[in-house]
Amino acid sequence: MAGGVLLSLGILAAQYALALVCLSVSLVITCSITVVIGTTVNYFLDNRINSAELLFPGVGSFVIAVCLASAVHALNADDIPE
């Protein structure tokens, strides 16, 4: 039940984000937050089979890749003539 409520809140937040910013920005941010929060929550819910030495550097690399992609998108947006 709580998962459904959280999913509904996530969809509602994504709809508001789409209304405020473009799809290429809001989709990347929404997916990134989903991956980071989901991975962290799953790590703490089942710590029998998880290895923090492998998991959190991977999540950190994912966050760095998203930040770099956002920076490149911002730089390319400045080059597009209006």
Protein backbone atom coordinates (compact mmCIF):
# COMPACT_ATOMS: atom_id res chain seq x y z
CA MET A 1 0.00 0.00 0.00
CA ALA A 2 2.76 2.44 0.91
CA GLY A 3 4.54 1.63 -2.34
CA GLY A 4 1.46 2.60 -4.33
CA VAL A 5 1.16 5.88 -2.45
CA LEU A 6 4.81 6.68 -3.10
CA LEU A 7 4.43 5.75 -6.77
CA SER A 8 1.42 8.06 -7.09
CA LEU A 9 3.31 10.91 -5.43
CA GLY A 10 6.21 10.33 -7.81
CA ILE A 11 3.94 10.47 -10.84
CA LEU A 12 2.32 13.64 -9.53
CA ALA A 13 5.73 15.23 -8.97
CA ALA A 14 6.81 14.24 -12.48
CA GLN A 15 3.72 15.89 -13.95
CA TYR A 16 4.44 19.13 -12.12
CA ALA A 17 8.08 18.97 -13.22
CA LEU A 18 7.02 18.52 -16.85
CA ALA A 19 4.83 21.60 -16.56
CA LEU A 20 7.73 23.69 -15.25
CA VAL A 21 10.73 22.50 -17.29
CA CYS A 22 11.30 20.61 -20.52
CA LEU A 23 11.14 16.84 -20.88
CA SER A 24 14.87 16.32 -21.33
CA VAL A 25 15.60 17.88 -17.94
CA SER A 26 12.73 16.55 -15.84
CA LEU A 27 12.97 12.97 -17.10
CA VAL A 28 16.69 12.72 -16.31
CA ILE A 29 16.26 14.16 -12.83
CA THR A 30 13.24 11.97 -12.06
CA CYS A 31 14.98 8.79 -13.19
CA SER A 32 18.15 9.68 -11.31
CA ILE A 33 16.31 10.29 -8.07
CA THR A 34 14.44 7.02 -8.54
CA VAL A 35 17.65 5.03 -9.00
CA VAL A 36 19.48 6.61 -6.07
CA ILE A 37 16.60 6.37 -3.59
CA GLY A 38 15.57 2.89 -4.74
CA THR A 39 19.08 1.52 -4.48
CA THR A 40 19.64 3.04 -1.04
CA VAL A 41 16.31 1.83 0.35
CA ASN A 42 16.82 -1.68 -1.02
CA TYR A 43 20.29 -1.80 0.51
CA PHE A 44 18.96 -1.06 3.98
CA LEU A 45 15.91 -3.33 3.64
CA ASP A 46 17.93 -6.44 2.76
CA ASN A 47 21.51 -6.22 3.96
CA ARG A 48 22.19 -9.97 3.84
CA ILE A 49 23.22 -10.13 0.18
CA ASN A 50 24.33 -6.56 -0.49
CA SER A 51 27.90 -5.39 -0.70
CA ALA A 52 28.35 -1.71 0.08
CA GLU A 53 31.82 -1.77 -1.46
CA LEU A 54 30.27 -2.48 -4.86
CA LEU A 55 26.91 -0.79 -4.56
CA PHE A 56 27.63 2.74 -3.39
CA PRO A 57 30.57 3.48 -5.74
CA GLY A 58 28.26 2.43 -8.57
CA VAL A 59 25.53 4.77 -7.37
CA GLY A 60 28.11 7.53 -6.96
CA SER A 61 29.33 6.97 -10.51
CA PHE A 62 25.74 7.15 -11.72
CA VAL A 63 25.19 10.47 -9.93
CA ILE A 64 28.41 11.90 -11.38
CA ALA A 65 27.38 10.78 -14.88
CA VAL A 66 23.99 12.46 -14.49
CA CYS A 67 25.59 15.70 -13.29
CA LEU A 68 28.01 15.70 -16.23
CA ALA A 69 25.19 14.99 -18.68
CA SER A 70 23.18 17.87 -17.22
CA ALA A 71 26.17 20.17 -17.55
CA VAL A 72 26.66 19.19 -21.20
CA HIS A 73 22.95 19.72 -21.86
CA ALA A 74 23.15 23.19 -20.33
CA LEU A 75 26.20 24.06 -22.43
CA ASN A 76 24.52 22.84 -25.62
CA ALA A 77 21.33 24.75 -24.83
CA ASP A 78 23.33 27.99 -24.93
CA ASP A 79 24.52 27.20 -28.48
CA ILE A 80 21.05 26.80 -29.98
CA PRO A 81 19.92 30.02 -31.71
CA GLU A 82 16.43 31.21 -30.92
